[in-house]
Amino acid sequence: MVRVIGIDLGERRIGVAVSDASGTLARPLKTIERGPSDPEAVERLNALVTELGVEDGIGSVVVGVPVRLDGSSSPQTVRAKAMVTLLSARLAIPVVTQDERLSSREAEERLSVRVKDWRKRKAKLDAAAAAVILQDYLDARAGSRSLSGQTDEEGD
């Protein structure tokens, strides 16, 4: 199996997470500055994915797409999907989307248990949100594999 990268697209920063080699656990990796334009943000992500891919065998990228609680699209949904299109055209590996509803809130709650200083927590929030998005994707994928009777080796 290969690793998977998770991405949380923010207005100013992009959180990045990575899975373990088994594709079971996600961990926050880093936060990168978005840059002044979407194409520049895509180039920064492309450089990071390329660097990680060479080192860690990255097989796919999961991008969190924000939707409203009722499942409808918002302006952020449209922007995230545009970024996914740009990223898909630039990367040689699959780019998939994952519903990211409430991922930042969940990440904030998890961080607040370990990191009491809000400034330090804020600095880690984007990467932690990316880890929540990626973990949701990994869990859903593992669930669908077990329902179909596939083992990890058969599914990937």
N, C-alpha and C. Protein backbone atom coordinates (compact mmCIF):
# COMPACT_ATOMS: atom_id res chain seq x y z
N MET A 1 0.84 -1.19 0.00
CA MET A 1 0.00 0.00 0.00
C MET A 1 0.88 1.25 0.00
N VAL A 2 0.34 2.33 -0.44
CA VAL A 2 1.09 3.58 -0.48
C VAL A 2 0.42 4.63 0.40
N ARG A 3 1.16 5.65 0.68
CA ARG A 3 0.65 6.73 1.54
C ARG A 3 -0.33 7.63 0.78
N VAL A 4 -1.14 8.33 1.55
CA VAL A 4 -2.12 9.26 1.01
C VAL A 4 -1.89 10.61 1.69
N ILE A 5 -2.01 11.68 0.93
CA ILE A 5 -1.90 13.04 1.48
C ILE A 5 -3.30 13.60 1.63
N GLY A 6 -3.53 14.30 2.73
CA GLY A 6 -4.78 15.01 2.97
C GLY A 6 -4.54 16.50 2.96
N ILE A 7 -5.47 17.25 2.37
CA ILE A 7 -5.31 18.70 2.25
C ILE A 7 -6.56 19.42 2.74
N ASP A 8 -6.34 20.42 3.58
CA ASP A 8 -7.40 21.32 4.03
C ASP A 8 -7.11 22.69 3.44
N LEU A 9 -7.93 23.10 2.48
CA LEU A 9 -7.73 24.38 1.79
C LEU A 9 -8.35 25.52 2.58
N GLY A 10 -7.51 26.39 3.10
CA GLY A 10 -8.00 27.57 3.80
C GLY A 10 -7.84 28.81 2.95
N GLU A 11 -8.36 29.91 3.43
CA GLU A 11 -8.23 31.18 2.70
C GLU A 11 -6.78 31.67 2.65
N ARG A 12 -6.05 31.51 3.77
CA ARG A 12 -4.66 31.99 3.83
C ARG A 12 -3.63 30.88 3.92
N ARG A 13 -4.04 29.76 4.52
CA ARG A 13 -3.11 28.66 4.73
C ARG A 13 -3.73 27.35 4.25
N ILE A 14 -2.85 26.40 3.94
CA ILE A 14 -3.28 25.07 3.52
C ILE A 14 -2.68 24.08 4.50
N GLY A 15 -3.55 23.30 5.13
CA GLY A 15 -3.08 22.26 6.03
C GLY A 15 -2.81 20.99 5.25
N VAL A 16 -1.75 20.30 5.63
CA VAL A 16 -1.35 19.07 4.94
C VAL A 16 -1.16 17.97 5.99
N ALA A 17 -1.70 16.80 5.68
CA ALA A 17 -1.53 15.63 6.53
C ALA A 17 -1.08 14.47 5.65
N VAL A 18 -0.56 13.43 6.27
CA VAL A 18 -0.10 12.26 5.52
C VAL A 18 -0.50 11.00 6.29
N SER A 19 -0.78 9.95 5.55
CA SER A 19 -1.13 8.67 6.19
C SER A 19 0.14 7.87 6.44
N ASP A 20 0.00 6.85 7.27
CA ASP A 20 1.09 5.90 7.43
C ASP A 20 1.12 5.02 6.18
N ALA A 21 2.13 4.18 6.08
CA ALA A 21 2.30 3.36 4.87
C ALA A 21 1.15 2.38 4.66
N SER A 22 0.47 2.00 5.74
CA SER A 22 -0.64 1.05 5.60
C SER A 22 -1.94 1.72 5.20
N GLY A 23 -1.96 3.06 5.19
CA GLY A 23 -3.18 3.77 4.85
C GLY A 23 -4.24 3.67 5.92
N THR A 24 -3.81 3.53 7.17
CA THR A 24 -4.73 3.36 8.29
C THR A 24 -4.85 4.61 9.14
N LEU A 25 -3.73 5.27 9.41
CA LEU A 25 -3.71 6.41 10.33
C LEU A 25 -3.20 7.67 9.64
N ALA A 26 -3.87 8.77 9.93
CA ALA A 26 -3.46 10.07 9.40
C ALA A 26 -2.77 10.86 10.51
N ARG A 27 -1.79 11.66 10.11
CA ARG A 27 -1.15 12.55 11.07
C ARG A 27 -0.91 13.91 10.41
N PRO A 28 -1.02 14.97 11.19
CA PRO A 28 -0.74 16.31 10.64
C PRO A 28 0.72 16.36 10.18
N LEU A 29 0.97 17.02 9.07
CA LEU A 29 2.33 17.14 8.57
C LEU A 29 2.84 18.56 8.66
N LYS A 30 2.14 19.49 8.00
CA LYS A 30 2.61 20.87 8.01
C LYS A 30 1.52 21.80 7.49
N THR A 31 1.79 23.07 7.63
CA THR A 31 0.92 24.10 7.07
C THR A 31 1.76 24.92 6.11
N ILE A 32 1.20 25.21 4.93
CA ILE A 32 1.91 26.05 3.98
C ILE A 32 1.05 27.28 3.68
N GLU A 33 1.73 28.37 3.36
CA GLU A 33 1.01 29.59 2.99
C GLU A 33 0.38 29.38 1.62
N ARG A 34 -0.83 29.85 1.46
CA ARG A 34 -1.58 29.63 0.23
C ARG A 34 -0.99 30.40 -0.96
N GLY A 35 -0.55 31.63 -0.72
CA GLY A 35 -0.06 32.46 -1.82
C GLY A 35 -1.18 33.33 -2.35
N PRO A 36 -0.85 34.28 -3.22
CA PRO A 36 -1.83 35.26 -3.67
C PRO A 36 -2.86 34.74 -4.68
N SER A 37 -2.61 33.58 -5.31
CA SER A 37 -3.56 33.10 -6.33
C SER A 37 -3.72 31.59 -6.22
N ASP A 38 -4.82 31.08 -6.76
CA ASP A 38 -5.05 29.64 -6.77
C ASP A 38 -3.97 28.89 -7.55
N PRO A 39 -3.58 29.37 -8.76
CA PRO A 39 -2.51 28.66 -9.47
C PRO A 39 -1.19 28.61 -8.68
N GLU A 40 -0.89 29.67 -7.94
CA GLU A 40 0.33 29.65 -7.13
C GLU A 40 0.19 28.63 -6.00
N ALA A 41 -0.97 28.56 -5.39
CA ALA A 41 -1.22 27.57 -4.34
C ALA A 41 -1.07 26.15 -4.90
N VAL A 42 -1.57 25.93 -6.10
CA VAL A 42 -1.45 24.62 -6.75
C VAL A 42 0.02 24.28 -6.98
N GLU A 43 0.81 25.25 -7.40
CA GLU A 43 2.24 25.01 -7.62
C GLU A 43 2.94 24.65 -6.32
N ARG A 44 2.58 25.32 -5.23
CA ARG A 44 3.17 25.00 -3.92
C ARG A 44 2.79 23.58 -3.49
N LEU A 45 1.54 23.23 -3.71
CA LEU A 45 1.10 21.87 -3.37
C LEU A 45 1.76 20.83 -4.27
N ASN A 46 1.88 21.14 -5.54
CA ASN A 46 2.53 20.23 -6.47
C ASN A 46 3.98 19.96 -6.04
N ALA A 47 4.69 21.00 -5.65
CA ALA A 47 6.08 20.84 -5.20
C ALA A 47 6.14 19.96 -3.96
N LEU A 48 5.23 20.18 -3.03
CA LEU A 48 5.21 19.39 -1.80
C LEU A 48 4.86 17.93 -2.09
N VAL A 49 3.84 17.70 -2.90
CA VAL A 49 3.43 16.34 -3.23
C VAL A 49 4.54 15.62 -3.98
N THR A 50 5.20 16.31 -4.89
CA THR A 50 6.31 15.72 -5.64
C THR A 50 7.44 15.33 -4.70
N GLU A 51 7.78 16.23 -3.78
CA GLU A 51 8.84 15.96 -2.80
C GLU A 51 8.47 14.76 -1.93
N LEU A 52 7.26 14.74 -1.41
CA LEU A 52 6.83 13.63 -0.56
C LEU A 52 6.70 12.34 -1.35
N GLY A 53 6.22 12.44 -2.58
CA GLY A 53 6.04 11.25 -3.41
C GLY A 53 7.33 10.51 -3.66
N VAL A 54 8.40 11.26 -3.88
CA VAL A 54 9.70 10.66 -4.11
C VAL A 54 10.18 9.97 -2.84
N GLU A 55 9.98 10.63 -1.70
CA GLU A 55 10.46 10.09 -0.43
C GLU A 55 9.58 8.97 0.12
N ASP A 56 8.27 9.16 0.05
CA ASP A 56 7.36 8.29 0.79
C ASP A 56 6.41 7.46 -0.05
N GLY A 57 6.46 7.52 -1.36
CA GLY A 57 5.55 6.74 -2.18
C GLY A 57 4.10 7.17 -2.04
N ILE A 58 3.81 8.42 -2.34
CA ILE A 58 2.46 8.95 -2.26
C ILE A 58 1.65 8.42 -3.44
N GLY A 59 0.46 7.86 -3.15
CA GLY A 59 -0.35 7.28 -4.21
C GLY A 59 -1.56 8.09 -4.59
N SER A 60 -2.03 8.98 -3.69
CA SER A 60 -3.18 9.81 -4.00
C SER A 60 -3.25 10.99 -3.04
N VAL A 61 -4.09 11.94 -3.40
CA VAL A 61 -4.30 13.15 -2.61
C VAL A 61 -5.79 13.27 -2.33
N VAL A 62 -6.13 13.57 -1.09
CA VAL A 62 -7.52 13.79 -0.68
C VAL A 62 -7.67 15.25 -0.30
N VAL A 63 -8.61 15.94 -0.95
CA VAL A 63 -8.84 17.36 -0.69
C VAL A 63 -10.19 17.51 -0.02
N GLY A 64 -10.20 18.19 1.11
CA GLY A 64 -11.45 18.46 1.80
C GLY A 64 -12.26 19.50 1.06
N VAL A 65 -13.53 19.19 0.83
CA VAL A 65 -14.43 20.13 0.15
C VAL A 65 -15.51 20.55 1.14
N PRO A 66 -15.57 21.85 1.43
CA PRO A 66 -16.56 22.32 2.40
C PRO A 66 -17.95 22.40 1.79
N VAL A 67 -18.90 21.88 2.51
CA VAL A 67 -20.31 22.01 2.13
C VAL A 67 -21.07 22.46 3.37
N ARG A 68 -22.24 23.00 3.14
CA ARG A 68 -23.07 23.42 4.26
C ARG A 68 -23.56 22.18 5.02
N LEU A 69 -24.03 22.39 6.23
CA LEU A 69 -24.51 21.27 7.04
C LEU A 69 -25.62 20.48 6.37
N ASP A 70 -26.42 21.15 5.53
CA ASP A 70 -27.49 20.44 4.82
C ASP A 70 -26.98 19.76 3.54
N GLY A 71 -25.67 19.86 3.27
CA GLY A 71 -25.08 19.21 2.10
C GLY A 71 -25.04 20.06 0.85
N SER A 72 -25.61 21.26 0.90
CA SER A 72 -25.62 22.12 -0.28
C SER A 72 -24.27 22.84 -0.45
N SER A 73 -24.04 23.32 -1.65
CA SER A 73 -22.79 24.01 -1.98
C SER A 73 -22.79 25.43 -1.43
N SER A 74 -21.60 25.93 -1.19
CA SER A 74 -21.38 27.30 -0.77
C SER A 74 -20.33 27.90 -1.70
N PRO A 75 -20.05 29.20 -1.60
CA PRO A 75 -18.97 29.76 -2.43
C PRO A 75 -17.62 29.06 -2.19
N GLN A 76 -17.37 28.62 -0.96
CA GLN A 76 -16.12 27.90 -0.66
C GLN A 76 -16.10 26.54 -1.36
N THR A 77 -17.27 25.92 -1.51
CA THR A 77 -17.35 24.63 -2.22
C THR A 77 -16.89 24.80 -3.66
N VAL A 78 -17.39 25.84 -4.31
CA VAL A 78 -17.03 26.12 -5.71
C VAL A 78 -15.53 26.37 -5.83
N ARG A 79 -14.97 27.16 -4.92
CA ARG A 79 -13.54 27.47 -4.97
C ARG A 79 -12.70 26.21 -4.73
N ALA A 80 -13.11 25.39 -3.77
CA ALA A 80 -12.36 24.16 -3.49
C ALA A 80 -12.39 23.22 -4.69
N LYS A 81 -13.56 23.10 -5.33
CA LYS A 81 -13.65 22.22 -6.50
C LYS A 81 -12.81 22.74 -7.67
N ALA A 82 -12.71 24.05 -7.80
CA ALA A 82 -11.84 24.63 -8.82
C ALA A 82 -10.38 24.29 -8.53
N MET A 83 -10.00 24.35 -7.25
CA MET A 83 -8.64 23.97 -6.86
C MET A 83 -8.38 22.49 -7.14
N VAL A 84 -9.37 21.65 -6.89
CA VAL A 84 -9.23 20.22 -7.16
C VAL A 84 -9.00 19.99 -8.65
N THR A 85 -9.73 20.73 -9.49
CA THR A 85 -9.55 20.61 -10.95
C THR A 85 -8.14 21.02 -11.35
N LEU A 86 -7.66 22.14 -10.81
CA LEU A 86 -6.30 22.60 -11.11
C LEU A 86 -5.26 21.60 -10.63
N LEU A 87 -5.46 21.09 -9.42
CA LEU A 87 -4.51 20.14 -8.85
C LEU A 87 -4.51 18.82 -9.63
N SER A 88 -5.69 18.36 -10.03
CA SER A 88 -5.79 17.11 -10.81
C SER A 88 -5.06 17.22 -12.14
N ALA A 89 -5.13 18.40 -12.74
CA ALA A 89 -4.45 18.61 -14.02
C ALA A 89 -2.93 18.65 -13.85
N ARG A 90 -2.47 19.01 -12.66
CA ARG A 90 -1.04 19.20 -12.42
C ARG A 90 -0.35 17.94 -11.88
N LEU A 91 -1.08 17.12 -11.12
CA LEU A 91 -0.47 15.95 -10.49
C LEU A 91 -0.64 14.70 -11.34
N ALA A 92 0.31 13.80 -11.21
CA ALA A 92 0.26 12.54 -11.95
C ALA A 92 -0.42 11.44 -11.14
N ILE A 93 -0.92 11.76 -9.94
CA ILE A 93 -1.61 10.79 -9.09
C ILE A 93 -3.06 11.23 -8.90
N PRO A 94 -3.94 10.31 -8.53
CA PRO A 94 -5.35 10.66 -8.36
C PRO A 94 -5.57 11.71 -7.26
N VAL A 95 -6.50 12.61 -7.51
CA VAL A 95 -6.93 13.60 -6.53
C VAL A 95 -8.41 13.36 -6.30
N VAL A 96 -8.78 13.06 -5.06
CA VAL A 96 -10.17 12.79 -4.71
C VAL A 96 -10.64 13.80 -3.69
N THR A 97 -11.94 13.89 -3.51
CA THR A 97 -12.49 14.85 -2.55
C THR A 97 -13.12 14.11 -1.38
N GLN A 98 -13.20 14.83 -0.26
CA GLN A 98 -13.80 14.30 0.96
C GLN A 98 -14.59 15.43 1.61
N ASP A 99 -15.80 15.14 2.02
CA ASP A 99 -16.62 16.10 2.75
C ASP A 99 -15.86 16.53 4.01
N GLU A 100 -15.71 17.81 4.20
CA GLU A 100 -14.95 18.27 5.35
C GLU A 100 -15.81 19.00 6.39
N ARG A 101 -17.11 18.77 6.36
CA ARG A 101 -17.99 19.41 7.34
C ARG A 101 -17.48 19.19 8.75
N LEU A 102 -17.35 20.28 9.48
CA LEU A 102 -16.97 20.30 10.89
C LEU A 102 -15.56 19.78 11.18
N SER A 103 -14.72 19.62 10.17
CA SER A 103 -13.36 19.11 10.41
C SER A 103 -12.53 20.08 11.24
N SER A 104 -12.66 21.38 10.99
CA SER A 104 -11.89 22.36 11.77
C SER A 104 -12.35 22.37 13.22
N ARG A 105 -13.63 22.24 13.44
CA ARG A 105 -14.14 22.20 14.83
C ARG A 105 -13.62 20.96 15.55
N GLU A 106 -13.65 19.81 14.88
CA GLU A 106 -13.14 18.59 15.49
C GLU A 106 -11.64 18.70 15.77
N ALA A 107 -10.90 19.27 14.83
CA ALA A 107 -9.46 19.46 15.03
C ALA A 107 -9.19 20.38 16.21
N GLU A 108 -9.95 21.46 16.32
CA GLU A 108 -9.80 22.40 17.43
C GLU A 108 -10.07 21.70 18.77
N GLU A 109 -11.11 20.89 18.82
CA GLU A 109 -11.43 20.16 20.05
C GLU A 109 -10.31 19.21 20.43
N ARG A 110 -9.78 18.49 19.46
CA ARG A 110 -8.70 17.54 19.73
C ARG A 110 -7.44 18.27 20.21
N LEU A 111 -7.12 19.38 19.54
CA LEU A 111 -5.93 20.13 19.92
C LEU A 111 -6.07 20.76 21.30
N SER A 112 -7.25 21.20 21.66
CA SER A 112 -7.45 21.89 22.93
C SER A 112 -7.15 20.99 24.12
N VAL A 113 -7.24 19.69 23.93
CA VAL A 113 -6.94 18.75 25.00
C VAL A 113 -5.44 18.75 25.30
N ARG A 114 -4.62 18.83 24.26
CA ARG A 114 -3.16 18.73 24.41
C ARG A 114 -2.44 20.07 24.42
N VAL A 115 -2.96 21.04 23.70
CA VAL A 115 -2.27 22.33 23.55
C VAL A 115 -3.14 23.41 24.16
N LYS A 116 -2.72 23.92 25.31
CA LYS A 116 -3.54 24.89 26.03
C LYS A 116 -3.41 26.31 25.48
N ASP A 117 -2.23 26.68 25.00
CA ASP A 117 -2.00 28.04 24.47
C ASP A 117 -2.70 28.18 23.12
N TRP A 118 -3.66 29.09 23.01
CA TRP A 118 -4.45 29.23 21.78
C TRP A 118 -3.61 29.64 20.59
N ARG A 119 -2.50 30.39 20.82
CA ARG A 119 -1.64 30.78 19.69
C ARG A 119 -0.96 29.56 19.07
N LYS A 120 -0.47 28.69 19.92
CA LYS A 120 0.17 27.47 19.43
C LYS A 120 -0.87 26.56 18.77
N ARG A 121 -2.06 26.53 19.34
CA ARG A 121 -3.14 25.71 18.79
C ARG A 121 -3.53 26.21 17.40
N LYS A 122 -3.64 27.54 17.27
CA LYS A 122 -4.01 28.12 15.99
C LYS A 122 -2.98 27.78 14.90
N ALA A 123 -1.71 27.79 15.26
CA ALA A 123 -0.64 27.48 14.30
C ALA A 123 -0.72 26.04 13.80
N LYS A 124 -1.28 25.16 14.61
CA LYS A 124 -1.36 23.75 14.25
C LYS A 124 -2.72 23.36 13.66
N LEU A 125 -3.69 24.26 13.70
CA LEU A 125 -5.07 23.92 13.37
C LEU A 125 -5.25 23.44 11.93
N ASP A 126 -4.64 24.09 10.95
CA ASP A 126 -4.85 23.72 9.55
C ASP A 126 -4.35 22.31 9.25
N ALA A 127 -3.17 21.97 9.76
CA ALA A 127 -2.64 20.62 9.54
C ALA A 127 -3.47 19.59 10.30
N ALA A 128 -3.95 19.95 11.49
CA ALA A 128 -4.81 19.04 12.26
C ALA A 128 -6.13 18.81 11.53
N ALA A 129 -6.69 19.85 10.93
CA ALA A 129 -7.93 19.70 10.16
C ALA A 129 -7.70 18.80 8.95
N ALA A 130 -6.55 18.94 8.30
CA ALA A 130 -6.21 18.07 7.17
C ALA A 130 -6.14 16.61 7.63
N ALA A 131 -5.61 16.38 8.84
CA ALA A 131 -5.54 15.02 9.38
C ALA A 131 -6.93 14.46 9.64
N VAL A 132 -7.86 15.29 10.12
CA VAL A 132 -9.24 14.85 10.34
C VAL A 132 -9.88 14.46 9.02
N ILE A 133 -9.71 15.30 8.00
CA ILE A 133 -10.26 15.01 6.67
C ILE A 133 -9.69 13.71 6.13
N LEU A 134 -8.38 13.56 6.22
CA LEU A 134 -7.73 12.35 5.71
C LEU A 134 -8.17 11.12 6.49
N GLN A 135 -8.26 11.23 7.81
CA GLN A 135 -8.69 10.08 8.61
C GLN A 135 -10.11 9.66 8.26
N ASP A 136 -11.00 10.63 8.04
CA ASP A 136 -12.37 10.31 7.62
C ASP A 136 -12.35 9.54 6.30
N TYR A 137 -11.52 9.99 5.36
CA TYR A 137 -11.40 9.30 4.07
C TYR A 137 -10.86 7.88 4.26
N LEU A 138 -9.80 7.74 5.05
CA LEU A 138 -9.20 6.42 5.26
C LEU A 138 -10.19 5.47 5.94
N ASP A 139 -10.93 5.99 6.93
CA ASP A 139 -11.91 5.16 7.63
C ASP A 139 -13.03 4.72 6.69
N ALA A 140 -13.51 5.63 5.85
CA ALA A 140 -14.58 5.29 4.91
C ALA A 140 -14.09 4.26 3.90
N ARG A 141 -12.86 4.42 3.44
CA ARG A 141 -12.30 3.47 2.48
C ARG A 141 -12.13 2.09 3.11
N ALA A 142 -11.65 2.06 4.35
CA ALA A 142 -11.48 0.78 5.05
C ALA A 142 -12.84 0.12 5.28
N GLY A 143 -13.85 0.92 5.60
CA GLY A 143 -15.19 0.38 5.80
C GLY A 143 -15.77 -0.21 4.54
N SER A 144 -15.56 0.46 3.41
CA SER A 144 -16.10 -0.07 2.16
C SER A 144 -15.35 -1.32 1.73
N ARG A 145 -14.08 -1.41 2.05
CA ARG A 145 -13.31 -2.61 1.72
C ARG A 145 -13.79 -3.79 2.56
N SER A 146 -14.03 -3.55 3.85
CA SER A 146 -14.45 -4.66 4.70
C SER A 146 -15.86 -5.12 4.34
N LEU A 147 -16.71 -4.20 3.90
CA LEU A 147 -18.05 -4.58 3.48
C LEU A 147 -18.04 -5.42 2.22
N SER A 148 -17.06 -5.17 1.34
CA SER A 148 -16.99 -5.92 0.10
C SER A 148 -16.20 -7.22 0.26
N GLY A 149 -15.60 -7.42 1.46
CA GLY A 149 -14.87 -8.64 1.70
C GLY A 149 -13.43 -8.63 1.23
N GLN A 150 -12.95 -7.46 0.78
CA GLN A 150 -11.57 -7.36 0.31
C GLN A 150 -10.64 -7.17 1.49
N THR A 151 -9.44 -7.71 1.37
CA THR A 151 -8.39 -7.40 2.32
C THR A 151 -7.60 -6.21 1.79
N ASP A 152 -6.71 -5.66 2.61
CA ASP A 152 -5.90 -4.53 2.15
C ASP A 152 -5.10 -4.87 0.90
N GLU A 153 -4.57 -6.08 0.85
CA GLU A 153 -3.76 -6.45 -0.31
C GLU A 153 -4.60 -6.55 -1.58
N GLU A 154 -5.85 -7.04 -1.43
CA GLU A 154 -6.71 -7.18 -2.61
C GLU A 154 -7.24 -5.85 -3.11
N GLY A 155 -7.47 -4.90 -2.16
CA GLY A 155 -8.12 -3.65 -2.53
C GLY A 155 -7.22 -2.64 -3.18
N ASP A 156 -5.92 -2.73 -2.92
CA ASP A 156 -5.04 -1.69 -3.48
C ASP A 156 -3.87 -2.25 -4.20
